[in-house]
Amino acid sequence: GEIIGAIETLEDITERKKAEDNLRYYLQEITRAQEEERKRIARELHDDAAQVLGSISRQLDNFIRKKQGFAPNEVLFLKDLQVQLNRGLQSMHRFCQALRPSLLDDLGLIPALRSLAKGLQESDGIATDLKVLGGERRFSPEVESLLFRIVQEALNNIGRHAQASEAQVVMEFAEDRIKVSISDNGRGFELSGRVDDLPRSGKLGLAGIQERARLLGGTIEVKSTLGKGTALIVEVPT
């Protein structure tokens, strides 16, 4: 009886592990497909819509400079129109970079993260520092994409919710793992329950980070104190 029970327990564990492996595989495939679709949309926006807007802006600039006889209010209207057009073009460039930054494909994870940090400082006025420890190295496109999305979501959360003046990203390369720490000096929040309870508590951004860390076989730790900021630590085996 004990032997049969042990065999059944072992079979249950094996089946559960197989189901978990299958789920991880499907999630990885979905993530890969999402990244490819993001890349395609970003490329089409850049090569088509952004080029058209840029051309219109240049034509409008030439029109304003060459044409004579405009009333002052007409000149102001055309210049205001050009300003709005250029703002739209800049927004589209930012959107393309958020969808799929060319730096990630061309130069790798660290340059893409530097661009993220610079973007947070420019858009939200949050002084953001990127520190790299250990021997920097490249990973597969899938791993780099997931790590990039983890940091991107964390910095987006800081910009939207933290009311911080400073943020820091630390990438620590070890022989068998990589550790990513994202922290801020913002308002913080009360942690209730386990990390697994994040979706039910409305912390969907953190829940998304947790899922990406799991796809990489990693772990996530969240530390936060009201009035003293938040720290997010993700460790991933390599």
Foldseek 3Di string as FASTA:
>chain_A
DVVVVVVVVVVVVVVVVVVVVVVLVVVLVVLVVQLVVLLVVLVCCVVPVLVVLVVVLVVLVVCLVPDDDDDPVVSVVSVVVSVVSVVVSVVSNVSSCVSPNVCCVPPRQPVSVVVLQVVLCVPQVANEEEAEADDDDHDDSSLSVLVNLLSNLVSVCCSPPFQFNYKYWYWYDDPWKIKIKIKTQGQWDDDDDDLVCCVVVVNVSSVSNQVSLVSQVKHWDKDTDGRGIIMIMIMGTD
